[in-house]
PDB file of all heavy atoms in Angstrom:
ATOM      1  N   PRO A   1    -115.699 120.520  58.931  1.00  0.00           N
ATOM      2  CA  PRO A   1    -114.329 120.002  58.783  1.00  0.00           C
ATOM      3  C   PRO A   1    -113.858 119.304  60.050  1.00  0.00           C
ATOM      4  O   PRO A   1    -114.339 119.582  61.153  1.00  0.00           O
ATOM      5  CB  PRO A   1    -113.514 121.273  58.521  1.00  0.00           C
ATOM      6  CG  PRO A   1    -114.299 122.372  59.159  1.00  0.00           C
ATOM      7  CD  PRO A   1    -115.743 121.994  58.968  1.00  0.00           C
ATOM      8  N   ARG A   2    -112.930 118.420  59.903  1.00  0.00           N
ATOM      9  CA  ARG A   2    -112.355 117.721  61.045  1.00  0.00           C
ATOM     10  C   ARG A   2    -111.401 118.652  61.782  1.00  0.00           C
ATOM     11  O   ARG A   2    -110.528 119.265  61.183  1.00  0.00           O
ATOM     12  CB  ARG A   2    -111.619 116.464  60.582  1.00  0.00           C
ATOM     13  CG  ARG A   2    -112.518 115.427  59.910  1.00  0.00           C
ATOM     14  CD  ARG A   2    -111.708 114.197  59.501  1.00  0.00           C
ATOM     15  NE  ARG A   2    -111.138 113.528  60.658  1.00  0.00           N
ATOM     16  CZ  ARG A   2    -111.789 112.633  61.399  1.00  0.00           C
ATOM     17  NH1 ARG A   2    -113.035 112.307  61.109  1.00  0.00           N
ATOM     18  NH2 ARG A   2    -111.216 112.058  62.435  1.00  0.00           N
ATOM     19  N   THR A   3    -111.578 118.756  63.090  1.00  0.00           N
ATOM     20  CA  THR A   3    -110.730 119.590  63.938  1.00  0.00           C
ATOM     21  C   THR A   3    -110.476 118.859  65.250  1.00  0.00           C
ATOM     22  O   THR A   3    -111.177 117.882  65.570  1.00  0.00           O
ATOM     23  CB  THR A   3    -111.398 120.946  64.245  1.00  0.00           C
ATOM     24  OG1 THR A   3    -112.514 120.722  65.135  1.00  0.00           O
ATOM     25  CG2 THR A   3    -111.870 121.641  62.965  1.00  0.00           C
ATOM     26  N   PRO A   4    -109.508 119.312  66.045  1.00  0.00           N
ATOM     27  CA  PRO A   4    -109.276 118.674  67.342  1.00  0.00           C
ATOM     28  C   PRO A   4    -110.483 118.753  68.286  1.00  0.00           C
ATOM     29  O   PRO A   4    -110.570 117.978  69.238  1.00  0.00           O
ATOM     30  CB  PRO A   4    -108.092 119.469  67.911  1.00  0.00           C
ATOM     31  CG  PRO A   4    -107.385 120.005  66.708  1.00  0.00           C
ATOM     32  CD  PRO A   4    -108.461 120.304  65.724  1.00  0.00           C
ATOM     33  N   MET A   5    -111.420 119.673  68.025  1.00  0.00           N
ATOM     34  CA  MET A   5    -112.551 119.844  68.923  1.00  0.00           C
ATOM     35  C   MET A   5    -113.545 118.680  68.853  1.00  0.00           C
ATOM     36  O   MET A   5    -114.402 118.561  69.720  1.00  0.00           O
ATOM     37  CB  MET A   5    -113.272 121.165  68.620  1.00  0.00           C
ATOM     38  CG  MET A   5    -112.393 122.388  68.763  1.00  0.00           C
ATOM     39  SD  MET A   5    -111.473 122.438  70.328  1.00  0.00           S
ATOM     40  CE  MET A   5    -112.794 122.492  71.509  1.00  0.00           C
ATOM     41  N   GLN A   6    -113.435 117.839  67.840  1.00  0.00           N
ATOM     42  CA  GLN A   6    -114.343 116.700  67.765  1.00  0.00           C
ATOM     43  C   GLN A   6    -113.855 115.526  68.619  1.00  0.00           C
ATOM     44  O   GLN A   6    -114.546 114.525  68.759  1.00  0.00           O
ATOM     45  CB  GLN A   6    -114.527 116.259  66.326  1.00  0.00           C
ATOM     46  CG  GLN A   6    -113.295 115.667  65.662  1.00  0.00           C
ATOM     47  CD  GLN A   6    -113.514 115.442  64.186  1.00  0.00           C
ATOM     48  OE1 GLN A   6    -113.111 116.232  63.342  1.00  0.00           O
ATOM     49  NE2 GLN A   6    -114.199 114.355  63.866  1.00  0.00           N
ATOM     50  N   ASP A   7    -112.680 115.682  69.200  1.00  0.00           N
ATOM     51  CA  ASP A   7    -112.156 114.692  70.136  1.00  0.00           C
ATOM     52  C   ASP A   7    -112.657 115.046  71.535  1.00  0.00           C
ATOM     53  O   ASP A   7    -112.401 116.145  72.035  1.00  0.00           O
ATOM     54  CB  ASP A   7    -110.625 114.704  70.099  1.00  0.00           C
ATOM     55  CG  ASP A   7    -110.022 113.622  70.987  1.00  0.00           C
ATOM     56  OD1 ASP A   7    -110.778 112.935  71.720  1.00  0.00           O
ATOM     57  OD2 ASP A   7    -108.787 113.457  70.942  1.00  0.00           O
ATOM     58  N   LYS A   8    -113.365 114.141  72.172  1.00  0.00           N
ATOM     59  CA  LYS A   8    -113.922 114.408  73.492  1.00  0.00           C
ATOM     60  C   LYS A   8    -112.850 114.670  74.542  1.00  0.00           C
ATOM     61  O   LYS A   8    -113.147 115.203  75.612  1.00  0.00           O
ATOM     62  CB  LYS A   8    -114.804 113.243  73.939  1.00  0.00           C
ATOM     63  CG  LYS A   8    -116.074 113.075  73.124  1.00  0.00           C
ATOM     64  CD  LYS A   8    -116.924 111.946  73.661  1.00  0.00           C
ATOM     65  CE  LYS A   8    -118.216 111.799  72.878  1.00  0.00           C
ATOM     66  NZ  LYS A   8    -119.079 110.715  73.386  1.00  0.00           N
ATOM     67  N   ARG A   9    -111.609 114.300  74.229  1.00  0.00           N
ATOM     68  CA  ARG A   9    -110.519 114.492  75.189  1.00  0.00           C
ATOM     69  C   ARG A   9    -109.800 115.823  74.995  1.00  0.00           C
ATOM     70  O   ARG A   9    -108.726 116.032  75.562  1.00  0.00           O
ATOM     71  CB  ARG A   9    -109.522 113.335  75.086  1.00  0.00           C
ATOM     72  CG  ARG A   9    -110.106 111.989  75.504  1.00  0.00           C
ATOM     73  CD  ARG A   9    -109.039 110.911  75.525  1.00  0.00           C
ATOM     74  NE  ARG A   9    -108.483 110.689  74.188  1.00  0.00           N
ATOM     75  CZ  ARG A   9    -109.013 109.883  73.289  1.00  0.00           C
ATOM     76  NH1 ARG A   9    -110.124 109.224  73.570  1.00  0.00           N
ATOM     77  NH2 ARG A   9    -108.455 109.723  72.109  1.00  0.00           N
ATOM     78  N   ASN A  10    -110.377 116.747  74.211  1.00  0.00           N
ATOM     79  CA  ASN A  10    -109.718 118.042  74.044  1.00  0.00           C
ATOM     80  C   ASN A  10    -109.709 118.799  75.373  1.00  0.00           C
ATOM     81  O   ASN A  10    -110.552 118.572  76.248  1.00  0.00           O
ATOM     82  CB  ASN A  10    -110.401 118.861  72.942  1.00  0.00           C
ATOM     83  CG  ASN A  10    -111.800 119.316  73.318  1.00  0.00           C
ATOM     84  OD1 ASN A  10    -111.981 120.238  74.099  1.00  0.00           O
ATOM     85  ND2 ASN A  10    -112.806 118.645  72.750  1.00  0.00           N
ATOM     86  N   LEU A  11    -108.772 119.702  75.529  1.00  0.00           N
ATOM     87  CA  LEU A  11    -108.528 120.353  76.814  1.00  0.00           C
ATOM     88  C   LEU A  11    -109.741 121.110  77.341  1.00  0.00           C
ATOM     89  O   LEU A  11    -110.050 121.061  78.535  1.00  0.00           O
ATOM     90  CB  LEU A  11    -107.331 121.305  76.702  1.00  0.00           C
ATOM     91  CG  LEU A  11    -105.973 120.641  76.437  1.00  0.00           C
ATOM     92  CD1 LEU A  11    -104.877 121.695  76.324  1.00  0.00           C
ATOM     93  CD2 LEU A  11    -105.635 119.647  77.534  1.00  0.00           C
ATOM     94  N   LEU A  12    -110.423 121.838  76.464  1.00  0.00           N
ATOM     95  CA  LEU A  12    -111.580 122.610  76.911  1.00  0.00           C
ATOM     96  C   LEU A  12    -112.685 121.697  77.439  1.00  0.00           C
ATOM     97  O   LEU A  12    -113.348 122.023  78.426  1.00  0.00           O
ATOM     98  CB  LEU A  12    -112.116 123.481  75.780  1.00  0.00           C
ATOM     99  CG  LEU A  12    -111.276 124.704  75.407  1.00  0.00           C
ATOM    100  CD1 LEU A  12    -111.917 125.459  74.245  1.00  0.00           C
ATOM    101  CD2 LEU A  12    -111.104 125.638  76.608  1.00  0.00           C
ATOM    102  N   ASN A  13    -112.858 120.571  76.795  1.00  0.00           N
ATOM    103  CA  ASN A  13    -113.908 119.656  77.231  1.00  0.00           C
ATOM    104  C   ASN A  13    -113.543 118.987  78.552  1.00  0.00           C
ATOM    105  O   ASN A  13    -114.380 118.877  79.455  1.00  0.00           O
ATOM    106  CB  ASN A  13    -114.157 118.588  76.163  1.00  0.00           C
ATOM    107  CG  ASN A  13    -115.427 117.794  76.429  1.00  0.00           C
ATOM    108  OD1 ASN A  13    -116.494 118.370  76.577  1.00  0.00           O
ATOM    109  ND2 ASN A  13    -115.310 116.480  76.500  1.00  0.00           N
ATOM    110  N   VAL A  14    -112.295 118.568  78.677  1.00  0.00           N
ATOM    111  CA  VAL A  14    -111.867 117.842  79.870  1.00  0.00           C
ATOM    112  C   VAL A  14    -111.797 118.751  81.095  1.00  0.00           C
ATOM    113  O   VAL A  14    -112.274 118.395  82.181  1.00  0.00           O
ATOM    114  CB  VAL A  14    -110.502 117.166  79.629  1.00  0.00           C
ATOM    115  CG1 VAL A  14    -109.961 116.573  80.926  1.00  0.00           C
ATOM    116  CG2 VAL A  14    -110.631 116.081  78.569  1.00  0.00           C
ATOM    117  N   TYR A  15    -111.209 119.951  80.925  1.00  0.00           N
ATOM    118  CA  TYR A  15    -110.941 120.808  82.078  1.00  0.00           C
ATOM    119  C   TYR A  15    -111.991 121.897  82.301  1.00  0.00           C
ATOM    120  O   TYR A  15    -111.960 122.573  83.338  1.00  0.00           O
ATOM    121  CB  TYR A  15    -109.564 121.449  81.943  1.00  0.00           C
ATOM    122  CG  TYR A  15    -108.442 120.436  82.022  1.00  0.00           C
ATOM    123  CD1 TYR A  15    -107.747 120.050  80.883  1.00  0.00           C
ATOM    124  CD2 TYR A  15    -108.107 119.848  83.236  1.00  0.00           C
ATOM    125  CE1 TYR A  15    -106.721 119.106  80.952  1.00  0.00           C
ATOM    126  CE2 TYR A  15    -107.090 118.910  83.317  1.00  0.00           C
ATOM    127  CZ  TYR A  15    -106.399 118.549  82.172  1.00  0.00           C
ATOM    128  OH  TYR A  15    -105.397 117.607  82.242  1.00  0.00           O
ATOM    129  N   PHE A  16    -112.891 122.091  81.364  1.00  0.00           N
ATOM    130  CA  PHE A  16    -113.923 123.107  81.552  1.00  0.00           C
ATOM    131  C   PHE A  16    -115.336 122.521  81.470  1.00  0.00           C
ATOM    132  O   PHE A  16    -116.096 122.599  82.426  1.00  0.00           O
ATOM    133  CB  PHE A  16    -113.751 124.235  80.523  1.00  0.00           C
ATOM    134  CG  PHE A  16    -112.636 125.179  80.860  1.00  0.00           C
ATOM    135  CD1 PHE A  16    -111.346 124.949  80.410  1.00  0.00           C
ATOM    136  CD2 PHE A  16    -112.870 126.304  81.636  1.00  0.00           C
ATOM    137  CE1 PHE A  16    -110.312 125.813  80.730  1.00  0.00           C
ATOM    138  CE2 PHE A  16    -111.851 127.170  81.971  1.00  0.00           C
ATOM    139  CZ  PHE A  16    -110.562 126.933  81.513  1.00  0.00           C
ATOM    140  N   VAL A  17    -115.692 121.946  80.324  1.00  0.00           N
ATOM    141  CA  VAL A  17    -117.063 121.493  80.130  1.00  0.00           C
ATOM    142  C   VAL A  17    -117.440 120.392  81.113  1.00  0.00           C
ATOM    143  O   VAL A  17    -118.566 120.368  81.636  1.00  0.00           O
ATOM    144  CB  VAL A  17    -117.283 121.030  78.677  1.00  0.00           C
ATOM    145  CG1 VAL A  17    -118.704 120.510  78.482  1.00  0.00           C
ATOM    146  CG2 VAL A  17    -117.018 122.186  77.714  1.00  0.00           C
ATOM    147  N   LYS A  18    -116.545 119.468  81.365  1.00  0.00           N
ATOM    148  CA  LYS A  18    -116.847 118.360  82.277  1.00  0.00           C
ATOM    149  C   LYS A  18    -117.179 118.858  83.688  1.00  0.00           C
ATOM    150  O   LYS A  18    -117.869 118.177  84.448  1.00  0.00           O
ATOM    151  CB  LYS A  18    -115.662 117.394  82.345  1.00  0.00           C
ATOM    152  CG  LYS A  18    -115.409 116.622  81.049  1.00  0.00           C
ATOM    153  CD  LYS A  18    -116.524 115.655  80.728  1.00  0.00           C
ATOM    154  CE  LYS A  18    -116.201 114.814  79.516  1.00  0.00           C
ATOM    155  NZ  LYS A  18    -117.315 113.890  79.148  1.00  0.00           N
ATOM    156  N   VAL A  19    -116.679 120.029  84.032  1.00  0.00           N
ATOM    157  CA  VAL A  19    -116.967 120.619  85.345  1.00  0.00           C
ATOM    158  C   VAL A  19    -117.545 122.026  85.149  1.00  0.00           C
ATOM    159  O   VAL A  19    -117.216 122.954  85.887  1.00  0.00           O
ATOM    160  CB  VAL A  19    -115.704 120.658  86.232  1.00  0.00           C
ATOM    161  CG1 VAL A  19    -115.357 119.278  86.741  1.00  0.00           C
ATOM    162  CG2 VAL A  19    -114.504 121.254  85.470  1.00  0.00           C
ATOM    163  N   ALA A  20    -118.432 122.157  84.169  1.00  0.00           N
ATOM    164  CA  ALA A  20    -118.956 123.477  83.800  1.00  0.00           C
ATOM    165  C   ALA A  20    -119.684 124.148  84.951  1.00  0.00           C
ATOM    166  O   ALA A  20    -119.518 125.351  85.187  1.00  0.00           O
ATOM    167  CB  ALA A  20    -119.889 123.345  82.586  1.00  0.00           C
ATOM    168  N   TRP A  21    -120.479 123.384  85.673  1.00  0.00           N
ATOM    169  CA  TRP A  21    -121.217 124.011  86.770  1.00  0.00           C
ATOM    170  C   TRP A  21    -120.277 124.454  87.884  1.00  0.00           C
ATOM    171  O   TRP A  21    -120.506 125.492  88.523  1.00  0.00           O
ATOM    172  CB  TRP A  21    -122.287 123.072  87.326  1.00  0.00           C
ATOM    173  CG  TRP A  21    -123.043 123.725  88.444  1.00  0.00           C
ATOM    174  CD1 TRP A  21    -123.074 123.357  89.745  1.00  0.00           C
ATOM    175  CD2 TRP A  21    -123.851 124.911  88.348  1.00  0.00           C
ATOM    176  NE1 TRP A  21    -123.847 124.223  90.480  1.00  0.00           N
ATOM    177  CE2 TRP A  21    -124.333 125.184  89.650  1.00  0.00           C
ATOM    178  CE3 TRP A  21    -124.202 125.756  87.299  1.00  0.00           C
ATOM    179  CZ2 TRP A  21    -125.167 126.286  89.916  1.00  0.00           C
ATOM    180  CZ3 TRP A  21    -125.021 126.851  87.564  1.00  0.00           C
ATOM    181  CH2 TRP A  21    -125.486 127.097  88.859  1.00  0.00           C
ATOM    182  N   ALA A  22    -119.216 123.706  88.136  1.00  0.00           N
ATOM    183  CA  ALA A  22    -118.259 124.095  89.176  1.00  0.00           C
ATOM    184  C   ALA A  22    -117.597 125.426  88.827  1.00  0.00           C
ATOM    185  O   ALA A  22    -117.468 126.314  89.677  1.00  0.00           O
ATOM    186  CB  ALA A  22    -117.198 123.010  89.349  1.00  0.00           C
ATOM    187  N   TRP A  23    -117.150 125.591  87.562  1.00  0.00           N
ATOM    188  CA  TRP A  23    -116.557 126.858  87.134  1.00  0.00           C
ATOM    189  C   TRP A  23    -117.561 128.005  87.283  1.00  0.00           C
ATOM    190  O   TRP A  23    -117.219 129.091  87.781  1.00  0.00           O
ATOM    191  CB  TRP A  23    -116.095 126.767  85.684  1.00  0.00           C
ATOM    192  CG  TRP A  23    -114.772 126.115  85.494  1.00  0.00           C
ATOM    193  CD1 TRP A  23    -114.529 124.880  84.959  1.00  0.00           C
ATOM    194  CD2 TRP A  23    -113.479 126.658  85.816  1.00  0.00           C
ATOM    195  NE1 TRP A  23    -113.184 124.617  84.936  1.00  0.00           N
ATOM    196  CE2 TRP A  23    -112.510 125.690  85.451  1.00  0.00           C
ATOM    197  CE3 TRP A  23    -113.063 127.864  86.377  1.00  0.00           C
ATOM    198  CZ2 TRP A  23    -111.149 125.904  85.633  1.00  0.00           C
ATOM    199  CZ3 TRP A  23    -111.694 128.076  86.566  1.00  0.00           C
ATOM    200  CH2 TRP A  23    -110.764 127.105  86.194  1.00  0.00           C
ATOM    201  N   THR A  24    -118.775 127.774  86.825  1.00  0.00           N
ATOM    202  CA  THR A  24    -119.803 128.813  86.898  1.00  0.00           C
ATOM    203  C   THR A  24    -120.091 129.181  88.344  1.00  0.00           C
ATOM    204  O   THR A  24    -120.183 130.374  88.693  1.00  0.00           O
ATOM    205  CB  THR A  24    -121.094 128.316  86.215  1.00  0.00           C
ATOM    206  OG1 THR A  24    -120.802 127.967  84.859  1.00  0.00           O
ATOM    207  CG2 THR A  24    -122.170 129.385  86.233  1.00  0.00           C
ATOM    208  N   PHE A  25    -120.227 128.197  89.200  1.00  0.00           N
ATOM    209  CA  PHE A  25    -120.524 128.417  90.614  1.00  0.00           C
ATOM    210  C   PHE A  25    -119.395 129.193  91.292  1.00  0.00           C
ATOM    211  O   PHE A  25    -119.640 130.179  92.007  1.00  0.00           O
ATOM    212  CB  PHE A  25    -120.725 127.067  91.295  1.00  0.00           C
ATOM    213  CG  PHE A  25    -121.227 127.154  92.709  1.00  0.00           C
ATOM    214  CD1 PHE A  25    -122.561 126.952  92.997  1.00  0.00           C
ATOM    215  CD2 PHE A  25    -120.347 127.415  93.761  1.00  0.00           C
ATOM    216  CE1 PHE A  25    -123.034 127.018  94.302  1.00  0.00           C
ATOM    217  CE2 PHE A  25    -120.806 127.491  95.058  1.00  0.00           C
ATOM    218  CZ  PHE A  25    -122.150 127.298  95.344  1.00  0.00           C
ATOM    219  N   LEU A  26    -118.160 128.774  91.053  1.00  0.00           N
ATOM    220  CA  LEU A  26    -117.018 129.371  91.755  1.00  0.00           C
ATOM    221  C   LEU A  26    -116.786 130.830  91.364  1.00  0.00           C
ATOM    222  O   LEU A  26    -116.324 131.632  92.186  1.00  0.00           O
ATOM    223  CB  LEU A  26    -115.754 128.547  91.487  1.00  0.00           C
ATOM    224  CG  LEU A  26    -115.717 127.171  92.149  1.00  0.00           C
ATOM    225  CD1 LEU A  26    -114.477 126.402  91.716  1.00  0.00           C
ATOM    226  CD2 LEU A  26    -115.751 127.299  93.671  1.00  0.00           C
ATOM    227  N   LEU A  27    -117.097 131.206  90.134  1.00  0.00           N
ATOM    228  CA  LEU A  27    -116.927 132.600  89.720  1.00  0.00           C
ATOM    229  C   LEU A  27    -118.133 133.464  90.081  1.00  0.00           C
ATOM    230  O   LEU A  27    -117.979 134.635  90.444  1.00  0.00           O
ATOM    231  CB  LEU A  27    -116.645 132.677  88.220  1.00  0.00           C
ATOM    232  CG  LEU A  27    -115.244 132.265  87.785  1.00  0.00           C
ATOM    233  CD1 LEU A  27    -115.106 132.344  86.275  1.00  0.00           C
ATOM    234  CD2 LEU A  27    -114.181 133.136  88.453  1.00  0.00           C
ATOM    235  N   LEU A  28    -119.326 132.898  89.984  1.00  0.00           N
ATOM    236  CA  LEU A  28    -120.511 133.684  90.316  1.00  0.00           C
ATOM    237  C   LEU A  28    -120.641 133.922  91.822  1.00  0.00           C
ATOM    238  O   LEU A  28    -121.193 134.942  92.248  1.00  0.00           O
ATOM    239  CB  LEU A  28    -121.772 132.991  89.807  1.00  0.00           C
ATOM    240  CG  LEU A  28    -122.109 133.179  88.325  1.00  0.00           C
ATOM    241  CD1 LEU A  28    -123.387 132.427  87.978  1.00  0.00           C
ATOM    242  CD2 LEU A  28    -122.257 134.659  87.974  1.00  0.00           C
ATOM    243  N   LEU A  29    -120.151 132.993  92.629  1.00  0.00           N
ATOM    244  CA  LEU A  29    -120.274 133.128  94.089  1.00  0.00           C
ATOM    245  C   LEU A  29    -119.675 134.445  94.594  1.00  0.00           C
ATOM    246  O   LEU A  29    -120.384 135.241  95.232  1.00  0.00           O
ATOM    247  CB  LEU A  29    -119.641 131.925  94.782  1.00  0.00           C
ATOM    248  CG  LEU A  29    -119.680 131.935  96.313  1.00  0.00           C
ATOM    249  CD1 LEU A  29    -121.114 131.846  96.812  1.00  0.00           C
ATOM    250  CD2 LEU A  29    -118.857 130.776  96.873  1.00  0.00           C
ATOM    251  N   PRO A  30    -118.394 134.740  94.325  1.00  0.00           N
ATOM    252  CA  PRO A  30    -117.865 136.024  94.798  1.00  0.00           C
ATOM    253  C   PRO A  30    -118.440 137.219  94.042  1.00  0.00           C
ATOM    254  O   PRO A  30    -118.618 138.295  94.626  1.00  0.00           O
ATOM    255  CB  PRO A  30    -116.354 135.894  94.567  1.00  0.00           C
ATOM    256  CG  PRO A  30    -116.215 134.880  93.487  1.00  0.00           C
ATOM    257  CD  PRO A  30    -117.343 133.915  93.688  1.00  0.00           C
ATOM    258  N   PHE A  31    -118.735 137.042  92.756  1.00  0.00           N
ATOM    259  CA  PHE A  31    -119.277 138.163  91.975  1.00  0.00           C
ATOM    260  C   PHE A  31    -120.632 138.610  92.515  1.00  0.00           C
ATOM    261  O   PHE A  31    -120.860 139.804  92.747  1.00  0.00           O
ATOM    262  CB  PHE A  31    -119.402 137.762  90.512  1.00  0.00           C
ATOM    263  CG  PHE A  31    -119.925 138.858  89.625  1.00  0.00           C
ATOM    264  CD1 PHE A  31    -119.067 139.838  89.151  1.00  0.00           C
ATOM    265  CD2 PHE A  31    -121.269 138.917  89.280  1.00  0.00           C
ATOM    266  CE1 PHE A  31    -119.546 140.863  88.348  1.00  0.00           C
ATOM    267  CE2 PHE A  31    -121.756 139.931  88.472  1.00  0.00           C
ATOM    268  CZ  PHE A  31    -120.886 140.909  88.003  1.00  0.00           C
ATOM    269  N   ILE A  32    -121.537 137.656  92.735  1.00  0.00           N
ATOM    270  CA  ILE A  32    -122.850 138.000  93.276  1.00  0.00           C
ATOM    271  C   ILE A  32    -122.718 138.577  94.679  1.00  0.00           C
ATOM    272  O   ILE A  32    -123.361 139.576  95.022  1.00  0.00           O
ATOM    273  CB  ILE A  32    -123.773 136.761  93.292  1.00  0.00           C
ATOM    274  CG1 ILE A  32    -124.081 136.308  91.867  1.00  0.00           C
ATOM    275  CG2 ILE A  32    -125.068 137.061  94.034  1.00  0.00           C
ATOM    276  CD1 ILE A  32    -124.862 134.998  91.795  1.00  0.00           C
ATOM    277  N   GLY A  33    -121.864 137.959  95.491  1.00  0.00           N
ATOM    278  CA  GLY A  33    -121.698 138.426  96.861  1.00  0.00           C
ATOM    279  C   GLY A  33    -121.188 139.854  96.941  1.00  0.00           C
ATOM    280  O   GLY A  33    -121.767 140.707  97.622  1.00  0.00           O
ATOM    281  N   VAL A  34    -120.113 140.144  96.225  1.00  0.00           N
ATOM    282  CA  VAL A  34    -119.489 141.472  96.298  1.00  0.00           C
ATOM    283  C   VAL A  34    -120.382 142.541  95.684  1.00  0.00           C
ATOM    284  O   VAL A  34    -120.606 143.605  96.277  1.00  0.00           O
ATOM    285  CB  VAL A  34    -118.114 141.446  95.589  1.00  0.00           C
ATOM    286  CG1 VAL A  34    -117.566 142.866  95.447  1.00  0.00           C
ATOM    287  CG2 VAL A  34    -117.132 140.580  96.370  1.00  0.00           C
ATOM    288  N   THR A  35    -120.897 142.295  94.489  1.00  0.00           N
ATOM    289  CA  THR A  35    -121.692 143.317  93.807  1.00  0.00           C
ATOM    290  C   THR A  35    -123.022 143.579  94.516  1.00  0.00           C
ATOM    291  O   THR A  35    -123.447 144.738  94.615  1.00  0.00           O
ATOM    292  CB  THR A  35    -121.962 142.911  92.348  1.00  0.00           C
ATOM    293  OG1 THR A  35    -122.594 141.622  92.304  1.00  0.00           O
ATOM    294  CG2 THR A  35    -120.667 142.873  91.555  1.00  0.00           C
ATOM    295  N   THR A  36    -123.668 142.535  95.018  1.00  0.00           N
ATOM    296  CA  THR A  36    -124.940 142.736  95.715  1.00  0.00           C
ATOM    297  C   THR A  36    -124.735 143.503  97.011  1.00  0.00           C
ATOM    298  O   THR A  36    -125.511 144.417  97.340  1.00  0.00           O
ATOM    299  CB  THR A  36    -125.608 141.376  96.012  1.00  0.00           C
ATOM    300  OG1 THR A  36    -125.799 140.665  94.790  1.00  0.00           O
ATOM    301  CG2 THR A  36    -126.954 141.574  96.678  1.00  0.00           C
ATOM    302  N   TYR A  37    -123.702 143.172  97.760  1.00  0.00           N
ATOM    303  CA  TYR A  37    -123.409 143.882  99.010  1.00  0.00           C
ATOM    304  C   TYR A  37    -123.112 145.348  98.742  1.00  0.00           C
ATOM    305  O   TYR A  37    -123.639 146.245  99.422  1.00  0.00           O
ATOM    306  CB  TYR A  37    -122.239 143.216  99.724  1.00  0.00           C
ATOM    307  CG  TYR A  37    -121.940 143.816 101.081  1.00  0.00           C
ATOM    308  CD1 TYR A  37    -122.659 143.388 102.204  1.00  0.00           C
ATOM    309  CD2 TYR A  37    -120.960 144.783 101.239  1.00  0.00           C
ATOM    310  CE1 TYR A  37    -122.392 143.935 103.457  1.00  0.00           C
ATOM    311  CE2 TYR A  37    -120.695 145.337 102.486  1.00  0.00           C
ATOM    312  CZ  TYR A  37    -121.411 144.908 103.597  1.00  0.00           C
ATOM    313  OH  TYR A  37    -121.158 145.455 104.832  1.00  0.00           O
ATOM    314  N   GLN A  38    -122.267 145.607  97.742  1.00  0.00           N
ATOM    315  CA  GLN A  38    -121.917 146.979  97.414  1.00  0.00           C
ATOM    316  C   GLN A  38    -123.139 147.770  96.946  1.00  0.00           C
ATOM    317  O   GLN A  38    -123.325 148.927  97.312  1.00  0.00           O
ATOM    318  CB  GLN A  38    -120.838 146.991  96.320  1.00  0.00           C
ATOM    319  CG  GLN A  38    -120.434 148.378  95.826  1.00  0.00           C
ATOM    320  CD  GLN A  38    -119.753 149.217  96.889  1.00  0.00           C
ATOM    321  OE1 GLN A  38    -119.314 148.684  97.917  1.00  0.00           O
ATOM    322  NE2 GLN A  38    -119.658 150.523  96.653  1.00  0.00           N
ATOM    323  N   PHE A  39    -123.981 147.134  96.145  1.00  0.00           N
ATOM    324  CA  PHE A  39    -125.165 147.827  95.647  1.00  0.00           C
ATOM    325  C   PHE A  39    -126.126 148.143  96.789  1.00  0.00           C
ATOM    326  O   PHE A  39    -126.687 149.248  96.858  1.00  0.00           O
ATOM    327  CB  PHE A  39    -125.869 146.970  94.587  1.00  0.00           C
ATOM    328  CG  PHE A  39    -126.831 147.749  93.746  1.00  0.00           C
ATOM    329  CD1 PHE A  39    -126.439 148.278  92.526  1.00  0.00           C
ATOM    330  CD2 PHE A  39    -128.125 147.974  94.174  1.00  0.00           C
ATOM    331  CE1 PHE A  39    -127.317 149.015  91.759  1.00  0.00           C
ATOM    332  CE2 PHE A  39    -129.013 148.703  93.413  1.00  0.00           C
ATOM    333  CZ  PHE A  39    -128.608 149.224  92.202  1.00  0.00           C
ATOM    334  N   ALA A  40    -126.333 147.188  97.693  1.00  0.00           N
ATOM    335  CA  ALA A  40    -127.246 147.395  98.814  1.00  0.00           C
ATOM    336  C   ALA A  40    -126.760 148.513  99.727  1.00  0.00           C
ATOM    337  O   ALA A  40    -127.564 149.322 100.223  1.00  0.00           O
ATOM    338  CB  ALA A  40    -127.407 146.100  99.607  1.00  0.00           C
ATOM    339  N   ARG A  41    -125.449 148.599  99.938  1.00  0.00           N
ATOM    340  CA  ARG A  41    -124.904 149.635 100.818  1.00  0.00           C
ATOM    341  C   ARG A  41    -124.908 151.009 100.165  1.00  0.00           C
ATOM    342  O   ARG A  41    -125.237 152.012 100.810  1.00  0.00           O
ATOM    343  CB  ARG A  41    -123.462 149.272 101.223  1.00  0.00           C
ATOM    344  CG  ARG A  41    -123.316 148.048 102.089  1.00  0.00           C
ATOM    345  CD  ARG A  41    -124.018 148.189 103.445  1.00  0.00           C
ATOM    346  NE  ARG A  41    -123.547 149.331 104.189  1.00  0.00           N
ATOM    347  CZ  ARG A  41    -122.482 149.318 104.992  1.00  0.00           C
ATOM    348  NH1 ARG A  41    -121.778 148.196 105.123  1.00  0.00           N
ATOM    349  NH2 ARG A  41    -122.137 150.387 105.664  1.00  0.00           N
ATOM    350  N   SER A  42    -124.556 151.071  98.869  1.00  0.00           N
ATOM    351  CA  SER A  42    -124.380 152.375  98.219  1.00  0.00           C
ATOM    352  C   SER A  42    -125.689 152.959  97.694  1.00  0.00           C
ATOM    353  O   SER A  42    -125.891 154.175  97.750  1.00  0.00           O
ATOM    354  CB  SER A  42    -123.382 152.256  97.070  1.00  0.00           C
ATOM    355  OG  SER A  42    -123.860 151.373  96.074  1.00  0.00           O
TER     356      SER A  42
END
């Protein structure tokens, strides 16, 4: 069916998918850092 998601200018595509690696990098950076440090120490 036709939905707004077939428009390339939808919000999720413009603000998330177009910069998907940036979002992934920015969230994984502190997560990996904090959890790995805590695991190594404890």
